[in-house]
Amino acid sequence: MRTVAILVFPNVQSLDVTGPMDVFAEANRFLEPADQYQIRVIGTEAGLISCANGLLIQPHDTCASFSESVDLLMVAGGPTVTQQPRNEILCDWLRAMDRRCAKIASVCNGAFLLAYAGLLEGLHATTHWNDVPKLAARFPNVRVEADRIFARSGRIYTSAGVTAGIDLALHLVYEDCGPEVSLNVAKRLVVFSQRNGGQSQFSPYLAPYTDEEASLVQTVQQYVLGHLHEELNVERLANVAGMSVRNFSRVFARDARMTPSEFVERARVDAGRALLETSAHPLKTIAHRCGFGTSSRMRAAFVKNLGVTAQQYRDNFGAYSGSHMPSSVCND
């Protein structure tokens, strides 16, 4: 069996623990007994562990007595992790486990615990968006990637905040068991199966719907998201807001921290990403649906915002990339 050990501590974020646990547990439904995951919860202290939300967890073992070799050690995060001083005993245990683990992973700001133990030195890593500046400042030798859902450096994985631990766990199941099992688990949990590590932690395309008291910026943003394929110049958006172009541009930039045209472009890029990940449509079709007009304009926007072309993004993250692309699809 594949053994997964998950480290917990007082005030741990419960979803950092239970989210990945449910992924591995659901994967067992689709695996032969010899290939299933055995999950062990390891506490930093004996007895019940109280999570940040009040949930009580009873670990199977403690760091003081657990020294087994495991396939994966996963370190959870919590709201007070960045405020706690370095724990030398825990650092020693993590370094010892590093020699016994095939893979090590952190969820959210659990990356700080790995960094304290020196396990992220010189590696690419990510964490919750709110803690990114702290991680970069406190550990200058860690190559912090601010806008990723999860990152991998060799056999060490780090993920962004909270639910990103589910994305990381799905990816680990994908590596261990293949795409069919990972997809079936995602369906069981009703979560995205293609939200890969290179995606942004935030997306204006996934902005929540607004209520009747929505701000001007939210109102305009939702209008943009509903009319991406149409002409969305600043004059039209100012008219939606019921303001002069000059005043609208000033207020929007102040509140959204980007210009209206920047938001439109980013929203179109994110809409394009969603279609590139989940569909086999040609690039020119996606470009038209997202309002770019031409595939060359979409290519330029992708390079500007993501550093890769739309085709490269599809190759990395698309369900129909590479050899899986239907022969009828012609990208240009």
C-alpha atoms as a PDB file:
ATOM      1  CA  MET A   1       0.000   0.000   0.000  1.00  0.00           C
ATOM      2  CA  ARG A   2       1.018   3.621  -0.455  1.00  0.00           C
ATOM      3  CA  THR A   3       1.478   5.282   2.923  1.00  0.00           C
ATOM      4  CA  VAL A   4       0.538   8.950   3.372  1.00  0.00           C
ATOM      5  CA  ALA A   5       1.417  10.708   6.639  1.00  0.00           C
ATOM      6  CA  ILE A   6      -0.237  14.061   7.355  1.00  0.00           C
ATOM      7  CA  LEU A   7       1.263  16.310  10.021  1.00  0.00           C
ATOM      8  CA  VAL A   8      -1.180  18.217  12.256  1.00  0.00           C
ATOM      9  CA  PHE A   9      -0.715  20.607  15.170  1.00  0.00           C
ATOM     10  CA  PRO A  10      -2.869  22.792  17.440  1.00  0.00           C
ATOM     11  CA  ASN A  11      -4.866  25.370  15.463  1.00  0.00           C
ATOM     12  CA  VAL A  12      -4.264  23.587  12.162  1.00  0.00           C
ATOM     13  CA  GLN A  13      -6.541  24.492   9.241  1.00  0.00           C
ATOM     14  CA  SER A  14      -8.944  21.563   9.135  1.00  0.00           C
ATOM     15  CA  LEU A  15      -9.492  21.639   5.367  1.00  0.00           C
ATOM     16  CA  ASP A  16      -5.723  21.451   4.822  1.00  0.00           C
ATOM     17  CA  VAL A  17      -5.993  18.040   6.458  1.00  0.00           C
ATOM     18  CA  THR A  18      -9.403  16.691   5.506  1.00  0.00           C
ATOM     19  CA  GLY A  19      -9.354  17.900   1.890  1.00  0.00           C
ATOM     20  CA  PRO A  20      -6.295  15.849   0.838  1.00  0.00           C
ATOM     21  CA  MET A  21      -7.408  12.972   3.087  1.00  0.00           C
ATOM     22  CA  ASP A  22     -10.706  12.741   1.225  1.00  0.00           C
ATOM     23  CA  VAL A  23      -8.898  12.740  -2.125  1.00  0.00           C
ATOM     24  CA  PHE A  24      -6.728   9.784  -1.124  1.00  0.00           C
ATOM     25  CA  ALA A  25      -9.647   7.997   0.538  1.00  0.00           C
ATOM     26  CA  GLU A  26     -11.831   8.403  -2.555  1.00  0.00           C
ATOM     27  CA  ALA A  27      -8.980   7.172  -4.742  1.00  0.00           C
ATOM     28  CA  ASN A  28      -9.062   3.903  -2.818  1.00  0.00           C
ATOM     29  CA  ARG A  29     -12.522   3.251  -4.284  1.00  0.00           C
ATOM     30  CA  PHE A  30     -10.922   2.841  -7.699  1.00  0.00           C
ATOM     31  CA  LEU A  31      -7.747   0.976  -6.695  1.00  0.00           C
ATOM     32  CA  GLU A  32      -6.874  -2.611  -6.009  1.00  0.00           C
ATOM     33  CA  PRO A  33      -6.112  -3.272  -2.313  1.00  0.00           C
ATOM     34  CA  ALA A  34      -2.379  -3.533  -2.954  1.00  0.00           C
ATOM     35  CA  ASP A  35      -2.354  -0.085  -4.587  1.00  0.00           C
ATOM     36  CA  GLN A  36      -4.525   1.776  -2.096  1.00  0.00           C
ATOM     37  CA  TYR A  37      -3.476   4.634   0.178  1.00  0.00           C
ATOM     38  CA  GLN A  38      -3.008   4.085   3.891  1.00  0.00           C
ATOM     39  CA  ILE A  39      -3.438   7.420   5.656  1.00  0.00           C
ATOM     40  CA  ARG A  40      -1.738   8.192   8.959  1.00  0.00           C
ATOM     41  CA  VAL A  41      -2.349  11.437  10.852  1.00  0.00           C
ATOM     42  CA  ILE A  42       0.681  12.473  12.899  1.00  0.00           C
ATOM     43  CA  GLY A  43       0.316  15.014  15.703  1.00  0.00           C
ATOM     44  CA  THR A  44       2.993  17.278  17.070  1.00  0.00           C
ATOM     45  CA  GLU A  45       1.695  16.324  20.506  1.00  0.00           C
ATOM     46  CA  ALA A  46      -0.318  13.526  22.075  1.00  0.00           C
ATOM     47  CA  GLY A  47      -4.078  13.606  22.490  1.00  0.00           C
ATOM     48  CA  LEU A  48      -6.798  15.403  20.618  1.00  0.00           C
ATOM     49  CA  ILE A  49      -5.687  18.224  18.308  1.00  0.00           C
ATOM     50  CA  SER A  50      -8.030  21.225  18.091  1.00  0.00           C
ATOM     51  CA  CYS A  51      -8.296  22.732  14.608  1.00  0.00           C
ATOM     52  CA  ALA A  52      -8.730  26.449  13.964  1.00  0.00           C
ATOM     53  CA  ASN A  53     -12.458  25.928  13.432  1.00  0.00           C
ATOM     54  CA  GLY A  54     -12.869  23.892  16.635  1.00  0.00           C
ATOM     55  CA  LEU A  55     -12.896  20.458  14.993  1.00  0.00           C
ATOM     56  CA  LEU A  56     -11.039  17.878  17.096  1.00  0.00           C
ATOM     57  CA  ILE A  57      -8.669  15.446  15.399  1.00  0.00           C
ATOM     58  CA  GLN A  58      -7.309  12.300  17.061  1.00  0.00           C
ATOM     59  CA  PRO A  59      -3.926  11.554  15.442  1.00  0.00           C
ATOM     60  CA  HIS A  60      -2.833   7.973  14.877  1.00  0.00           C
ATOM     61  CA  ASP A  61       0.616   8.768  16.246  1.00  0.00           C
ATOM     62  CA  THR A  62       2.930  11.586  17.335  1.00  0.00           C
ATOM     63  CA  CYS A  63       6.158  12.977  15.949  1.00  0.00           C
ATOM     64  CA  ALA A  64       7.942  11.736  19.071  1.00  0.00           C
ATOM     65  CA  SER A  65       7.187   8.093  18.240  1.00  0.00           C
ATOM     66  CA  PHE A  66       6.618   8.029  14.472  1.00  0.00           C
ATOM     67  CA  SER A  67       9.713   7.227  12.426  1.00  0.00           C
ATOM     68  CA  GLU A  68       8.397   4.999   9.646  1.00  0.00           C
ATOM     69  CA  SER A  69       9.284   5.377   5.991  1.00  0.00           C
ATOM     70  CA  VAL A  70       6.338   6.722   3.993  1.00  0.00           C
ATOM     71  CA  ASP A  71       5.547   7.385   0.364  1.00  0.00           C
ATOM     72  CA  LEU A  72       4.280  10.899   1.109  1.00  0.00           C
ATOM     73  CA  LEU A  73       4.565  13.263   4.044  1.00  0.00           C
ATOM     74  CA  MET A  74       2.079  16.122   3.818  1.00  0.00           C
ATOM     75  CA  VAL A  75       2.426  19.134   6.134  1.00  0.00           C
ATOM     76  CA  ALA A  76      -0.739  21.125   6.736  1.00  0.00           C
ATOM     77  CA  GLY A  77      -0.961  24.862   7.456  1.00  0.00           C
ATOM     78  CA  GLY A  78      -2.867  27.039   9.861  1.00  0.00           C
ATOM     79  CA  PRO A  79      -3.740  30.660  10.664  1.00  0.00           C
ATOM     80  CA  THR A  80      -1.022  31.012  13.315  1.00  0.00           C
ATOM     81  CA  VAL A  81       1.854  29.208  11.569  1.00  0.00           C
ATOM     82  CA  THR A  82       3.602  32.382  10.434  1.00  0.00           C
ATOM     83  CA  GLN A  83       3.382  33.850  13.941  1.00  0.00           C
ATOM     84  CA  GLN A  84       5.016  30.890  15.680  1.00  0.00           C
ATOM     85  CA  PRO A  85       8.766  30.788  16.380  1.00  0.00           C
ATOM     86  CA  ARG A  86      10.975  28.166  14.792  1.00  0.00           C
ATOM     87  CA  ASN A  87      10.490  24.796  16.499  1.00  0.00           C
ATOM     88  CA  GLU A  88      13.822  22.987  16.538  1.00  0.00           C
ATOM     89  CA  ILE A  89      12.349  19.660  17.625  1.00  0.00           C
ATOM     90  CA  LEU A  90       9.865  19.744  14.751  1.00  0.00           C
ATOM     91  CA  CYS A  91      12.608  20.816  12.327  1.00  0.00           C
ATOM     92  CA  ASP A  92      14.747  17.843  13.389  1.00  0.00           C
ATOM     93  CA  TRP A  93      11.795  15.496  12.873  1.00  0.00           C
ATOM     94  CA  LEU A  94      11.049  16.923   9.419  1.00  0.00           C
ATOM     95  CA  ARG A  95      14.690  16.575   8.360  1.00  0.00           C
ATOM     96  CA  ALA A  96      14.706  12.975   9.601  1.00  0.00           C
ATOM     97  CA  MET A  97      11.482  12.254   7.732  1.00  0.00           C
ATOM     98  CA  ASP A  98      12.971  13.844   4.624  1.00  0.00           C
ATOM     99  CA  ARG A  99      15.395  10.924   4.512  1.00  0.00           C
ATOM    100  CA  ARG A 100      12.529   8.435   4.798  1.00  0.00           C
ATOM    101  CA  CYS A 101       9.974   9.925   2.375  1.00  0.00           C
ATOM    102  CA  ALA A 102       9.582   9.398  -1.336  1.00  0.00           C
ATOM    103  CA  LYS A 103       7.727  12.732  -1.545  1.00  0.00           C
ATOM    104  CA  ILE A 104       7.098  15.669   0.777  1.00  0.00           C
ATOM    105  CA  ALA A 105       4.297  18.195   0.342  1.00  0.00           C
ATOM    106  CA  SER A 106       2.894  21.214   2.152  1.00  0.00           C
ATOM    107  CA  VAL A 107      -0.535  22.776   2.047  1.00  0.00           C
ATOM    108  CA  CYS A 108      -0.995  26.531   2.439  1.00  0.00           C
ATOM    109  CA  ASN A 109       1.523  28.050   4.868  1.00  0.00           C
ATOM    110  CA  GLY A 110       2.712  24.618   5.898  1.00  0.00           C
ATOM    111  CA  ALA A 111       5.508  25.658   3.507  1.00  0.00           C
ATOM    112  CA  PHE A 112       6.935  27.735   6.372  1.00  0.00           C
ATOM    113  CA  LEU A 113       7.485  24.570   8.427  1.00  0.00           C
ATOM    114  CA  LEU A 114       9.371  22.980   5.539  1.00  0.00           C
ATOM    115  CA  ALA A 115      11.356  26.179   5.055  1.00  0.00           C
ATOM    116  CA  TYR A 116      12.289  26.351   8.752  1.00  0.00           C
ATOM    117  CA  ALA A 117      13.683  22.829   8.427  1.00  0.00           C
ATOM    118  CA  GLY A 118      15.758  23.910   5.432  1.00  0.00           C
ATOM    119  CA  LEU A 119      13.892  21.639   3.027  1.00  0.00           C
ATOM    120  CA  LEU A 120      13.013  24.401   0.560  1.00  0.00           C
ATOM    121  CA  GLU A 121      16.493  25.901   0.170  1.00  0.00           C
ATOM    122  CA  GLY A 122      17.080  26.802  -3.468  1.00  0.00           C
ATOM    123  CA  LEU A 123      13.743  25.312  -4.531  1.00  0.00           C
ATOM    124  CA  HIS A 124      10.640  26.751  -6.180  1.00  0.00           C
ATOM    125  CA  ALA A 125       7.737  26.968  -3.740  1.00  0.00           C
ATOM    126  CA  THR A 126       4.394  28.623  -3.211  1.00  0.00           C
ATOM    127  CA  THR A 127       1.987  29.259  -0.354  1.00  0.00           C
ATOM    128  CA  HIS A 128      -1.239  31.105   0.411  1.00  0.00           C
ATOM    129  CA  TRP A 129      -1.271  34.424  -1.475  1.00  0.00           C
ATOM    130  CA  ASN A 130      -1.496  36.364   1.779  1.00  0.00           C
ATOM    131  CA  ASP A 131       1.708  34.787   3.103  1.00  0.00           C
ATOM    132  CA  VAL A 132       3.793  34.997  -0.069  1.00  0.00           C
ATOM    133  CA  PRO A 133       5.635  38.226   0.952  1.00  0.00           C
ATOM    134  CA  LYS A 134       6.438  36.778   4.377  1.00  0.00           C
ATOM    135  CA  LEU A 135       7.802  33.545   2.909  1.00  0.00           C
ATOM    136  CA  ALA A 136       9.974  35.429   0.429  1.00  0.00           C
ATOM    137  CA  ALA A 137      11.288  37.851   3.066  1.00  0.00           C
ATOM    138  CA  ARG A 138      11.914  35.264   5.754  1.00  0.00           C
ATOM    139  CA  PHE A 139      13.550  32.708   3.468  1.00  0.00           C
ATOM    140  CA  PRO A 140      15.438  34.579   0.720  1.00  0.00           C
ATOM    141  CA  ASN A 141      16.953  31.367  -0.666  1.00  0.00           C
ATOM    142  CA  VAL A 142      13.516  29.964  -1.468  1.00  0.00           C
ATOM    143  CA  ARG A 143      12.325  30.773  -4.980  1.00  0.00           C
ATOM    144  CA  VAL A 144       8.812  31.866  -4.079  1.00  0.00           C
ATOM    145  CA  GLU A 145       6.267  31.727  -6.894  1.00  0.00           C
ATOM    146  CA  ALA A 146       3.451  34.037  -5.921  1.00  0.00           C
ATOM    147  CA  ASP A 147       0.776  33.069  -8.402  1.00  0.00           C
ATOM    148  CA  ARG A 148       0.587  29.293  -8.549  1.00  0.00           C
ATOM    149  CA  ILE A 149      -1.895  26.783  -7.177  1.00  0.00           C
ATOM    150  CA  PHE A 150       0.924  24.358  -6.502  1.00  0.00           C
ATOM    151  CA  ALA A 151       4.577  24.027  -7.360  1.00  0.00           C
ATOM    152  CA  ARG A 152       6.947  21.076  -7.633  1.00  0.00           C
ATOM    153  CA  SER A 153      10.709  21.020  -7.149  1.00  0.00           C
ATOM    154  CA  GLY A 154      11.938  17.472  -7.549  1.00  0.00           C
ATOM    155  CA  ARG A 155      10.164  15.382  -4.932  1.00  0.00           C
ATOM    156  CA  ILE A 156       8.980  18.348  -2.865  1.00  0.00           C
ATOM    157  CA  TYR A 157       5.586  19.919  -3.540  1.00  0.00           C
ATOM    158  CA  THR A 158       4.022  23.063  -2.098  1.00  0.00           C
ATOM    159  CA  SER A 159       0.505  24.362  -2.626  1.00  0.00           C
ATOM    160  CA  ALA A 160      -1.412  27.591  -2.236  1.00  0.00           C
ATOM    161  CA  GLY A 161      -4.122  28.172   0.329  1.00  0.00           C
ATOM    162  CA  VAL A 162      -6.649  25.749   1.770  1.00  0.00           C
ATOM    163  CA  THR A 163      -8.604  24.185  -1.135  1.00  0.00           C
ATOM    164  CA  ALA A 164      -5.439  24.173  -3.270  1.00  0.00           C
ATOM    165  CA  GLY A 165      -4.429  21.199  -1.129  1.00  0.00           C
ATOM    166  CA  ILE A 166      -7.182  19.260  -2.910  1.00  0.00           C
ATOM    167  CA  ASP A 167      -5.715  20.246  -6.285  1.00  0.00           C
ATOM    168  CA  LEU A 168      -2.282  19.111  -5.156  1.00  0.00           C
ATOM    169  CA  ALA A 169      -3.637  15.820  -3.804  1.00  0.00           C
ATOM    170  CA  LEU A 170      -5.439  15.197  -7.113  1.00  0.00           C
ATOM    171  CA  HIS A 171      -2.185  15.820  -8.932  1.00  0.00           C
ATOM    172  CA  LEU A 172      -0.348  13.388  -6.658  1.00  0.00           C
ATOM    173  CA  VAL A 173      -3.034  10.766  -7.328  1.00  0.00           C
ATOM    174  CA  TYR A 174      -2.584  11.483 -11.031  1.00  0.00           C
ATOM    175  CA  GLU A 175       1.154  10.838 -10.721  1.00  0.00           C
ATOM    176  CA  ASP A 176       0.625   7.652  -8.722  1.00  0.00           C
ATOM    177  CA  CYS A 177      -2.412   6.147 -10.411  1.00  0.00           C
ATOM    178  CA  GLY A 178      -2.955   7.879 -13.742  1.00  0.00           C
ATOM    179  CA  PRO A 179      -5.550  10.279 -15.169  1.00  0.00           C
ATOM    180  CA  GLU A 180      -8.567   7.971 -15.000  1.00  0.00           C
ATOM    181  CA  VAL A 181      -8.398   7.538 -11.235  1.00  0.00           C
ATOM    182  CA  SER A 182      -7.681  11.240 -10.686  1.00  0.00           C
ATOM    183  CA  LEU A 183     -10.627  12.231 -12.881  1.00  0.00           C
ATOM    184  CA  ASN A 184     -12.977   9.816 -11.122  1.00  0.00           C
ATOM    185  CA  VAL A 185     -11.950  11.205  -7.734  1.00  0.00           C
ATOM    186  CA  ALA A 186     -12.516  14.768  -8.955  1.00  0.00           C
ATOM    187  CA  LYS A 187     -15.986  13.792 -10.155  1.00  0.00           C
ATOM    188  CA  ARG A 188     -16.785  12.143  -6.832  1.00  0.00           C
ATOM    189  CA  LEU A 189     -15.744  15.268  -4.947  1.00  0.00           C
ATOM    190  CA  VAL A 190     -17.349  17.587  -7.519  1.00  0.00           C
ATOM    191  CA  VAL A 191     -14.196  19.643  -8.002  1.00  0.00           C
ATOM    192  CA  PHE A 192     -12.129  20.780 -10.965  1.00  0.00           C
ATOM    193  CA  SER A 193     -10.049  18.000 -12.463  1.00  0.00           C
ATOM    194  CA  GLN A 194      -7.936  20.248 -14.683  1.00  0.00           C
ATOM    195  CA  ARG A 195      -6.954  23.044 -12.278  1.00  0.00           C
ATOM    196  CA  ASN A 196      -3.243  22.434 -12.661  1.00  0.00           C
ATOM    197  CA  GLY A 197      -0.340  23.955 -10.785  1.00  0.00           C
ATOM    198  CA  GLY A 198       0.500  26.651 -13.312  1.00  0.00           C
ATOM    199  CA  GLN A 199      -2.852  28.333 -12.969  1.00  0.00           C
ATOM    200  CA  SER A 200      -3.311  31.562 -11.094  1.00  0.00           C
ATOM    201  CA  GLN A 201      -4.506  31.496  -7.465  1.00  0.00           C
ATOM    202  CA  PHE A 202      -6.965  34.168  -8.529  1.00  0.00           C
ATOM    203  CA  SER A 203      -8.997  34.693 -11.648  1.00  0.00           C
ATOM    204  CA  PRO A 204     -11.345  37.569 -12.485  1.00  0.00           C
ATOM    205  CA  TYR A 205     -13.151  35.067 -14.715  1.00  0.00           C
ATOM    206  CA  LEU A 206     -14.091  33.156 -11.555  1.00  0.00           C
ATOM    207  CA  ALA A 207     -15.189  36.274  -9.672  1.00  0.00           C
ATOM    208  CA  PRO A 208     -18.281  35.698  -7.528  1.00  0.00           C
ATOM    209  CA  TYR A 209     -21.639  36.917  -8.692  1.00  0.00           C
ATOM    210  CA  THR A 210     -22.715  40.187  -7.208  1.00  0.00           C
ATOM    211  CA  ASP A 211     -25.862  41.018  -5.278  1.00  0.00           C
ATOM    212  CA  GLU A 212     -28.147  44.012  -5.542  1.00  0.00           C
ATOM    213  CA  GLU A 213     -25.770  46.164  -3.502  1.00  0.00           C
ATOM    214  CA  ALA A 214     -22.756  45.383  -5.658  1.00  0.00           C
ATOM    215  CA  SER A 215     -20.162  48.077  -6.053  1.00  0.00           C
ATOM    216  CA  LEU A 216     -19.627  49.896  -9.314  1.00  0.00           C
ATOM    217  CA  VAL A 217     -16.511  47.854 -10.022  1.00  0.00           C
ATOM    218  CA  GLN A 218     -18.268  44.549  -9.360  1.00  0.00           C
ATOM    219  CA  THR A 219     -21.177  45.561 -11.574  1.00  0.00           C
ATOM    220  CA  VAL A 220     -18.877  46.412 -14.459  1.00  0.00           C
ATOM    221  CA  GLN A 221     -16.798  43.271 -13.911  1.00  0.00           C
ATOM    222  CA  GLN A 222     -19.851  41.064 -14.061  1.00  0.00           C
ATOM    223  CA  TYR A 223     -20.991  42.858 -17.212  1.00  0.00           C
ATOM    224  CA  VAL A 224     -17.592  42.174 -18.769  1.00  0.00           C
ATOM    225  CA  LEU A 225     -17.746  38.477 -17.845  1.00  0.00           C
ATOM    226  CA  GLY A 226     -21.153  38.177 -19.457  1.00  0.00           C
ATOM    227  CA  HIS A 227     -20.166  39.927 -22.700  1.00  0.00           C
ATOM    228  CA  LEU A 228     -16.568  38.836 -23.340  1.00  0.00           C
ATOM    229  CA  HIS A 229     -17.179  38.165 -27.028  1.00  0.00           C
ATOM    230  CA  GLU A 230     -18.427  41.716 -27.630  1.00  0.00           C
ATOM    231  CA  GLU A 231     -16.635  45.047 -28.054  1.00  0.00           C
ATOM    232  CA  LEU A 232     -15.771  46.254 -24.556  1.00  0.00           C
ATOM    233  CA  ASN A 233     -14.124  49.639 -24.885  1.00  0.00           C
ATOM    234  CA  VAL A 234     -13.965  52.101 -22.018  1.00  0.00           C
ATOM    235  CA  GLU A 235     -16.803  54.195 -23.478  1.00  0.00           C
ATOM    236  CA  ARG A 236     -19.170  51.219 -23.348  1.00  0.00           C
ATOM    237  CA  LEU A 237     -18.162  50.279 -19.803  1.00  0.00           C
ATOM    238  CA  ALA A 238     -18.524  53.874 -18.619  1.00  0.00           C
ATOM    239  CA  ASN A 239     -22.033  53.841 -20.053  1.00  0.00           C
ATOM    240  CA  VAL A 240     -22.791  50.628 -18.108  1.00  0.00           C
ATOM    241  CA  ALA A 241     -21.608  52.397 -14.963  1.00  0.00           C
ATOM    242  CA  GLY A 242     -23.586  55.533 -15.787  1.00  0.00           C
ATOM    243  CA  MET A 243     -20.504  57.733 -15.522  1.00  0.00           C
ATOM    244  CA  SER A 244     -18.333  59.883 -17.708  1.00  0.00           C
ATOM    245  CA  VAL A 245     -15.379  58.100 -19.285  1.00  0.00           C
ATOM    246  CA  ARG A 246     -12.871  60.122 -17.297  1.00  0.00           C
ATOM    247  CA  ASN A 247     -14.539  59.618 -13.931  1.00  0.00           C
ATOM    248  CA  PHE A 248     -15.257  55.945 -14.578  1.00  0.00           C
ATOM    249  CA  SER A 249     -11.649  55.240 -15.558  1.00  0.00           C
ATOM    250  CA  ARG A 250     -10.410  56.967 -12.400  1.00  0.00           C
ATOM    251  CA  VAL A 251     -12.822  55.192 -10.027  1.00  0.00           C
ATOM    252  CA  PHE A 252     -12.345  51.769 -11.611  1.00  0.00           C
ATOM    253  CA  ALA A 253      -8.541  51.986 -11.522  1.00  0.00           C
ATOM    254  CA  ARG A 254      -8.650  53.142  -7.904  1.00  0.00           C
ATOM    255  CA  ASP A 255     -10.954  50.362  -6.683  1.00  0.00           C
ATOM    256  CA  ALA A 256      -9.913  47.482  -8.952  1.00  0.00           C
ATOM    257  CA  ARG A 257      -6.205  48.398  -8.955  1.00  0.00           C
ATOM    258  CA  MET A 258      -6.091  47.964 -12.710  1.00  0.00           C
ATOM    259  CA  THR A 259      -7.477  49.844 -15.684  1.00  0.00           C
ATOM    260  CA  PRO A 260     -10.738  48.755 -17.336  1.00  0.00           C
ATOM    261  CA  SER A 261      -8.851  47.546 -20.411  1.00  0.00           C
ATOM    262  CA  GLU A 262      -6.464  45.512 -18.250  1.00  0.00           C
ATOM    263  CA  PHE A 263      -9.388  43.807 -16.543  1.00  0.00           C
ATOM    264  CA  VAL A 264     -11.050  43.020 -19.871  1.00  0.00           C
ATOM    265  CA  GLU A 265      -7.837  41.513 -21.221  1.00  0.00           C
ATOM    266  CA  ARG A 266      -7.212  39.435 -18.094  1.00  0.00           C
ATOM    267  CA  ALA A 267     -10.797  38.205 -18.025  1.00  0.00           C
ATOM    268  CA  ARG A 268     -10.505  37.157 -21.666  1.00  0.00           C
ATOM    269  CA  VAL A 269      -7.226  35.386 -20.983  1.00  0.00           C
ATOM    270  CA  ASP A 270      -8.774  33.465 -18.098  1.00  0.00           C
ATOM    271  CA  ALA A 271     -11.809  32.558 -20.188  1.00  0.00           C
ATOM    272  CA  GLY A 272      -9.417  31.342 -22.873  1.00  0.00           C
ATOM    273  CA  ARG A 273      -7.520  29.300 -20.310  1.00  0.00           C
ATOM    274  CA  ALA A 274     -10.716  27.580 -19.187  1.00  0.00           C
ATOM    275  CA  LEU A 275     -11.551  26.601 -22.770  1.00  0.00           C
ATOM    276  CA  LEU A 276      -7.984  25.518 -23.532  1.00  0.00           C
ATOM    277  CA  GLU A 277      -8.013  23.263 -20.488  1.00  0.00           C
ATOM    278  CA  THR A 278     -11.351  21.592 -21.101  1.00  0.00           C
ATOM    279  CA  SER A 279     -12.129  21.679 -24.823  1.00  0.00           C
ATOM    280  CA  ALA A 280     -10.678  20.655 -28.164  1.00  0.00           C
ATOM    281  CA  HIS A 281     -11.858  23.805 -29.964  1.00  0.00           C
ATOM    282  CA  PRO A 282      -9.355  25.328 -32.410  1.00  0.00           C
ATOM    283  CA  LEU A 283      -7.504  28.399 -31.158  1.00  0.00           C
ATOM    284  CA  LYS A 284      -9.319  30.654 -33.605  1.00  0.00           C
ATOM    285  CA  THR A 285     -12.686  29.498 -32.224  1.00  0.00           C
ATOM    286  CA  ILE A 286     -11.583  30.126 -28.641  1.00  0.00           C
ATOM    287  CA  ALA A 287     -10.169  33.516 -29.606  1.00  0.00           C
ATOM    288  CA  HIS A 288     -13.514  34.499 -31.134  1.00  0.00           C
ATOM    289  CA  ARG A 289     -15.567  33.269 -28.175  1.00  0.00           C
ATOM    290  CA  CYS A 290     -13.397  35.150 -25.695  1.00  0.00           C
ATOM    291  CA  GLY A 291     -13.416  38.411 -27.620  1.00  0.00           C
ATOM    292  CA  PHE A 292      -9.843  38.467 -28.921  1.00  0.00           C
ATOM    293  CA  GLY A 293     -11.020  38.437 -32.516  1.00  0.00           C
ATOM    294  CA  THR A 294      -8.017  36.539 -33.872  1.00  0.00           C
ATOM    295  CA  SER A 295      -5.761  33.786 -32.563  1.00  0.00           C
ATOM    296  CA  SER A 296      -2.734  36.060 -33.026  1.00  0.00           C
ATOM    297  CA  ARG A 297      -4.227  38.642 -30.659  1.00  0.00           C
ATOM    298  CA  MET A 298      -4.970  35.888 -28.146  1.00  0.00           C
ATOM    299  CA  ARG A 299      -1.405  34.637 -28.487  1.00  0.00           C
ATOM    300  CA  ALA A 300      -0.044  38.119 -27.722  1.00  0.00           C
ATOM    301  CA  ALA A 301      -2.325  38.490 -24.683  1.00  0.00           C
ATOM    302  CA  PHE A 302      -1.259  35.099 -23.316  1.00  0.00           C
ATOM    303  CA  VAL A 303       2.418  35.925 -23.723  1.00  0.00           C
ATOM    304  CA  LYS A 304       1.905  39.282 -22.022  1.00  0.00           C
ATOM    305  CA  ASN A 305      -0.076  37.943 -19.051  1.00  0.00           C
ATOM    306  CA  LEU A 306       1.224  34.382 -18.624  1.00  0.00           C
ATOM    307  CA  GLY A 307       4.575  34.303 -20.374  1.00  0.00           C
ATOM    308  CA  VAL A 308       3.476  31.461 -22.681  1.00  0.00           C
ATOM    309  CA  THR A 309       1.474  31.261 -25.891  1.00  0.00           C
ATOM    310  CA  ALA A 310      -2.059  29.898 -25.931  1.00  0.00           C
ATOM    311  CA  GLN A 311      -0.797  26.751 -27.674  1.00  0.00           C
ATOM    312  CA  GLN A 312       1.904  26.243 -25.037  1.00  0.00           C
ATOM    313  CA  TYR A 313      -0.711  26.662 -22.299  1.00  0.00           C
ATOM    314  CA  ARG A 314      -2.898  24.011 -23.948  1.00  0.00           C
ATOM    315  CA  ASP A 315       0.085  21.672 -24.292  1.00  0.00           C
ATOM    316  CA  ASN A 316       0.827  21.975 -20.574  1.00  0.00           C
ATOM    317  CA  PHE A 317      -2.656  22.024 -19.085  1.00  0.00           C
ATOM    318  CA  GLY A 318      -5.178  20.966 -21.703  1.00  0.00           C
ATOM    319  CA  ALA A 319      -7.183  17.770 -21.439  1.00  0.00           C
ATOM    320  CA  TYR A 320      -6.798  17.447 -25.224  1.00  0.00           C
ATOM    321  CA  SER A 321      -3.143  18.408 -25.475  1.00  0.00           C
ATOM    322  CA  GLY A 322      -0.455  16.667 -27.480  1.00  0.00           C
ATOM    323  CA  SER A 323      -1.196  13.124 -28.542  1.00  0.00           C
ATOM    324  CA  HIS A 324      -4.661  13.368 -26.991  1.00  0.00           C
ATOM    325  CA  MET A 325      -5.758  16.084 -29.417  1.00  0.00           C
ATOM    326  CA  PRO A 326      -8.426  14.819 -31.826  1.00  0.00           C
ATOM    327  CA  SER A 327      -7.221  14.737 -35.420  1.00  0.00           C
ATOM    328  CA  SER A 328     -10.061  17.029 -36.461  1.00  0.00           C
ATOM    329  CA  VAL A 329      -8.686  19.880 -34.376  1.00  0.00           C
ATOM    330  CA  CYS A 330      -6.489  22.308 -36.248  1.00  0.00           C
ATOM    331  CA  ASN A 331      -4.823  25.053 -34.228  1.00  0.00           C
ATOM    332  CA  ASP A 332      -3.432  28.112 -35.908  1.00  0.00           C
END
